Protein backbone atom coordinates (compact mmCIF):
# COMPACT_ATOMS: atom_id res chain seq x y z
CA UNK A 1 71.60 25.63 147.63
CA UNK A 2 75.13 27.11 148.60
CA UNK A 3 76.87 27.37 145.33
CA UNK A 4 80.24 27.83 146.88
CA UNK A 5 82.24 26.97 149.97
CA UNK A 6 82.41 28.83 153.23
CA UNK A 7 85.41 26.60 154.11
CA UNK A 8 87.97 25.03 151.50
CA UNK A 9 90.08 22.12 152.58
CA UNK A 10 92.99 21.68 150.27
CA UNK A 11 95.36 18.40 150.04
CA UNK A 12 99.08 19.68 149.19
CA UNK A 13 101.26 17.25 147.12
CA UNK A 14 99.01 16.23 144.15
CA UNK A 15 96.63 19.05 144.30
CA UNK A 16 98.82 22.23 144.88
CA UNK A 17 102.23 21.12 144.37
CA UNK A 18 103.95 18.58 142.28
CA UNK A 19 106.76 16.94 144.34
CA UNK A 20 107.58 13.94 142.21
CA UNK A 21 110.92 14.93 141.56
CA UNK A 22 111.95 15.36 145.38
CA UNK A 23 109.70 12.28 146.48
CA UNK A 24 112.01 10.19 144.13
CA UNK A 25 115.38 11.70 144.99
CA UNK A 26 114.56 11.50 148.67
CA UNK A 27 113.37 7.90 148.52
CA UNK A 28 116.47 6.83 146.44
CA UNK A 29 118.82 8.46 148.88
CA UNK A 30 116.88 6.64 151.79
CA UNK A 31 117.12 3.50 149.85
CA UNK A 32 120.72 3.75 149.31
CA UNK A 33 121.26 4.37 152.94
CA UNK A 34 119.03 1.50 154.49
CA UNK A 35 120.04 -0.98 151.80
CA UNK A 36 123.61 -0.12 151.92
CA UNK A 37 123.90 0.78 148.10
CA UNK A 38 127.21 1.47 146.84
CA UNK A 39 126.41 2.76 143.32
CA UNK A 40 124.48 5.98 144.13
CA UNK A 41 123.28 6.48 140.39
CA UNK A 42 119.69 5.00 139.92
CA UNK A 43 119.00 3.14 136.84
CA UNK A 44 117.66 5.02 133.76
CA UNK A 45 113.88 4.19 134.23
CA UNK A 46 113.55 3.81 137.70
CA UNK A 47 112.38 7.38 138.40
CA UNK A 48 109.79 7.09 135.64
CA UNK A 49 108.36 3.64 136.98
CA UNK A 50 108.58 5.25 140.58
CA UNK A 51 106.33 8.40 139.42
CA UNK A 52 103.69 6.28 137.99
CA UNK A 53 103.38 4.14 140.85
CA UNK A 54 102.98 7.30 143.34
CA UNK A 55 99.63 6.53 143.75
CA UNK A 56 99.99 3.48 145.87
CA UNK A 57 102.06 5.52 148.36
CA UNK A 58 99.96 6.54 151.29
CA UNK A 59 102.92 7.69 153.54
CA UNK A 60 106.58 8.65 153.39
CA UNK A 61 108.11 5.45 154.53
CA UNK A 62 106.62 3.36 151.82
CA UNK A 63 108.79 5.42 148.95
CA UNK A 64 111.87 3.62 149.69
CA UNK A 65 110.25 0.38 150.09
CA UNK A 66 108.72 1.03 146.69
CA UNK A 67 112.16 1.04 144.97
CA UNK A 68 112.97 -1.78 146.92
CA UNK A 69 110.20 -3.59 145.05
CA UNK A 70 111.17 -2.44 141.66
CA UNK A 71 114.97 -3.16 141.93
CA UNK A 72 113.76 -6.63 143.04
CA UNK A 73 111.61 -7.29 139.88
CA UNK A 74 108.12 -6.83 141.21
CA UNK A 75 105.99 -5.90 138.09
CA UNK A 76 104.07 -2.42 138.09
CA UNK A 77 101.02 -4.08 137.64
CA UNK A 78 101.51 -6.46 140.75
CA UNK A 79 102.62 -3.41 142.68
CA UNK A 80 99.36 -1.71 141.48
CA UNK A 81 97.05 -4.58 142.57
CA UNK A 82 98.88 -5.79 145.86
CA UNK A 83 100.91 -2.92 147.13
CA UNK A 84 100.12 -3.37 150.84
CA UNK A 85 100.91 -6.95 151.04
CA UNK A 86 104.09 -6.54 148.78
CA UNK A 87 105.22 -3.69 151.48
CA UNK A 88 104.86 -5.79 154.37
CA UNK A 89 106.61 -8.69 152.71
CA UNK A 90 109.54 -6.29 152.08
CA UNK A 91 109.78 -4.76 155.73
CA UNK A 92 109.47 -8.50 156.98
CA UNK A 93 112.33 -9.92 154.67
CA UNK A 94 114.53 -7.10 155.76
CA UNK A 95 113.86 -7.17 159.34
CA UNK A 96 112.75 -3.62 159.08
CA UNK A 97 110.09 -1.35 160.74
CA UNK A 98 108.05 1.48 159.09
CA UNK A 99 109.07 3.75 162.14
CA UNK A 100 112.73 3.01 161.46
CA UNK A 101 112.40 3.89 157.54
CA UNK A 102 110.24 6.93 158.30
CA UNK A 103 113.23 8.42 160.89
CA UNK A 104 115.61 7.77 158.53
CA UNK A 105 113.57 9.50 155.51
CA UNK A 106 112.77 12.38 157.73
CA UNK A 107 116.34 12.82 159.03
CA UNK A 108 117.96 12.57 155.54
CA UNK A 109 115.42 15.08 154.34
CA UNK A 110 115.97 17.49 157.39
CA UNK A 111 119.70 17.39 156.51
CA UNK A 112 119.33 17.82 153.18
CA UNK A 113 117.09 21.14 153.60
CA UNK A 114 119.46 22.20 156.30
CA UNK A 115 122.76 22.19 154.27
CA UNK A 116 121.13 22.98 150.76
CA UNK A 117 117.72 24.39 151.11
CA UNK A 118 117.72 25.87 147.43
CA UNK A 119 118.32 22.51 145.53
CA UNK A 120 115.45 20.86 147.78
CA UNK A 121 113.02 23.44 147.17
CA UNK A 122 114.13 23.56 143.40
CA UNK A 123 112.85 19.86 143.00
CA UNK A 124 109.22 21.26 143.39
CA UNK A 125 106.78 22.86 141.34
CA UNK A 126 103.57 24.20 141.36
CA UNK A 127 100.74 23.27 139.30
CA UNK A 128 99.83 26.00 136.53
CA UNK A 129 97.58 28.71 137.82
CA UNK A 130 97.36 27.28 141.37
CA UNK A 131 99.36 29.90 143.24
CA UNK A 132 97.48 32.66 141.69
CA UNK A 133 94.20 31.17 142.55
CA UNK A 134 95.46 30.39 146.30
CA UNK A 135 96.32 34.14 146.51
CA UNK A 136 92.90 35.13 145.24
CA UNK A 137 91.06 32.82 147.63
CA UNK A 138 93.33 34.03 150.65
CA UNK A 139 92.29 37.54 149.83
CA UNK A 140 88.67 36.81 150.02
CA UNK A 141 86.27 35.98 152.97
CA UNK A 142 86.64 32.23 152.11
CA UNK A 143 88.45 30.09 154.73
CA UNK A 144 91.28 28.05 153.30
CA UNK A 145 92.99 25.32 155.07
CA UNK A 146 95.82 22.82 153.89
CA UNK A 147 95.15 19.17 155.14
CA UNK A 148 98.07 16.94 154.16
CA UNK A 149 100.12 14.26 155.23
CA UNK A 150 103.29 16.09 154.55
CA UNK A 151 104.67 17.90 157.67
CA UNK A 152 103.26 21.42 157.83
CA UNK A 153 106.71 23.01 158.29
CA UNK A 154 107.30 21.82 154.54
CA UNK A 155 104.16 23.23 153.16
CA UNK A 156 104.73 26.51 154.71
CA UNK A 157 108.27 26.67 153.50
CA UNK A 158 107.54 25.60 149.96
CA UNK A 159 104.45 28.17 150.02
CA UNK A 160 106.41 31.03 151.41
CA UNK A 161 108.93 30.71 148.26
CA UNK A 162 106.03 31.71 146.45
CA UNK A 163 105.00 34.48 148.59
CA UNK A 164 102.21 33.06 150.48
CA UNK A 165 102.35 33.23 154.14
CA UNK A 166 99.98 30.61 155.73
CA UNK A 167 99.70 30.83 159.70
CA UNK A 168 100.10 27.43 161.66
CA UNK A 169 96.72 26.80 162.24
CA UNK A 170 95.65 27.18 158.66
CA UNK A 171 97.79 23.94 157.71
CA UNK A 172 97.08 20.60 159.19
CA UNK A 173 100.09 18.32 158.57
CA UNK A 174 101.77 14.84 159.38
CA UNK A 175 102.63 16.14 162.84
CA UNK A 176 98.60 16.20 163.55
CA UNK A 177 98.72 12.38 163.58
CA UNK A 178 95.13 12.36 162.95
CA UNK A 179 92.87 10.98 159.89
CA UNK A 180 91.83 13.75 157.34
CA UNK A 181 88.17 12.93 158.17
CA UNK A 182 88.48 13.94 161.76
CA UNK A 183 90.45 17.32 160.84
CA UNK A 184 87.38 17.89 158.58
CA UNK A 185 84.94 17.83 161.19
CA UNK A 186 86.71 20.22 163.39
CA UNK A 187 87.02 22.67 160.89
CA UNK A 188 83.21 22.43 160.34
CA UNK A 189 82.72 22.47 163.99
CA UNK A 190 85.05 25.36 164.86
CA UNK A 191 83.38 27.46 161.82
CA UNK A 192 82.34 30.84 163.01
CA UNK A 193 80.40 31.73 159.78
CA UNK A 194 76.90 29.89 159.44
CA UNK A 195 75.70 28.31 157.39
CA UNK A 196 78.87 26.07 157.17
CA UNK A 197 79.72 24.90 153.50
CA UNK A 198 83.16 22.63 153.65
CA UNK A 199 84.60 21.45 150.02
CA UNK A 200 87.47 19.18 150.02
CA UNK A 201 89.89 18.62 147.12
CA UNK A 202 92.31 15.60 147.44
CA UNK A 203 94.14 13.31 144.92
CA UNK A 204 93.56 10.04 146.94
CA UNK A 205 90.76 8.27 146.17
CA UNK A 206 90.80 6.10 149.07
CA UNK A 207 91.12 9.15 151.51
CA UNK A 208 87.78 10.71 149.72
CA UNK A 209 86.11 7.23 149.92
CA UNK A 210 86.75 7.04 153.83
CA UNK A 211 85.55 10.83 154.16
CA UNK A 212 82.07 9.56 152.28
CA UNK A 213 81.48 7.04 154.96
CA UNK A 214 81.59 9.63 157.79
CA UNK A 215 77.77 10.21 158.69
CA UNK A 216 78.78 13.41 160.36
CA UNK A 217 80.43 14.73 157.21
CA UNK A 218 77.57 14.07 154.76
CA UNK A 219 77.13 17.67 153.62
CA UNK A 220 81.03 17.99 152.80
CA UNK A 221 81.60 18.47 148.79
CA UNK A 222 84.31 15.91 147.47
CA UNK A 223 86.47 16.42 144.55
CA UNK A 224 89.13 14.04 143.04
CA UNK A 225 92.16 16.35 141.67
CA UNK A 226 92.37 14.23 137.99
CA UNK A 227 95.80 16.25 137.83
CA UNK A 228 97.28 14.32 141.04
CA UNK A 229 98.84 11.29 141.94
CA UNK A 230 95.82 8.89 141.01
CA UNK A 231 95.26 6.40 138.29
CA UNK A 232 92.90 6.07 135.48
CA UNK A 233 90.91 3.28 137.38
CA UNK A 234 90.62 5.65 140.50
CA UNK A 235 89.48 8.52 138.12
CA UNK A 236 86.82 6.13 136.74
CA UNK A 237 85.81 5.39 140.23
CA UNK A 238 85.07 8.94 141.01
CA UNK A 239 83.01 9.62 138.05
CA UNK A 240 80.86 6.73 139.29
CA UNK A 241 80.92 7.64 142.71
CA UNK A 242 77.46 9.24 144.26
CA UNK A 243 79.41 11.65 146.55
CA UNK A 244 82.81 12.22 144.95
CA UNK A 245 83.17 14.56 141.95
CA UNK A 246 86.26 14.54 139.49
CA UNK A 247 87.78 17.85 139.10
CA UNK A 248 90.31 19.07 136.40
CA UNK A 249 92.74 21.57 136.84
CA UNK A 250 90.99 24.02 134.64
CA UNK A 251 88.01 23.92 137.09
CA UNK A 252 90.07 24.21 139.98
CA UNK A 253 91.62 27.62 138.69
CA UNK A 254 88.18 28.85 137.56
CA UNK A 255 85.24 29.76 139.37
CA UNK A 256 83.54 27.64 141.80
CA UNK A 257 80.54 27.68 139.58
CA UNK A 258 82.31 25.43 136.76
CA UNK A 259 83.13 22.95 139.86
CA UNK A 260 79.98 21.14 139.01
């Protein structure tokens, strides 16, 4: 049995980078624009609630919709249980399209980056020990890829600030418009070093469960990052899953032998 990967695929937000502050600020600004809010100061407890509920978000357009749900009085418990239905209902009630919200959010973020890159970058932080570990992996025979729903240009920009230069073909971002399991299969089939051992670290349990269902990925090792955007129920589900392993940040930044 191969005790370490030949290919390591990593999600970005919630695994490498903590972007919660930027997520909230971008979501809030987009919400104010779409819902024409005149008071641009968010309620005191809104950001804290948003951070707790970040695990329900799958794609960016949902972020301002989550704020709309919270401000309309939907409880956190209900959002955790019924988020997809709640999000659809808010779109319908406000005669909005997810693509329209996504475009507004991306345009707002682009303007912010263009006009004040420093303040945008400063809202991101990297989990302790992760940058040093990433550097060591990139200076080894291991192939490292970022597979994320964040736009690849943002990933490269944030890592460049930390002194890490990744080639375009090492980052698979939102612009690829394909599910992560398809990208993982492509990484395996394109591998030049045999035998192939691909390990995938992700903080979204649903994504890992979908990968686990793919017959052509049954040899991939799957890890849920317990420091990322997930709930205690999801972490418990990972511990009970026959394919998915729960990974701590201490293990992630240690030797592969500690990953279990």
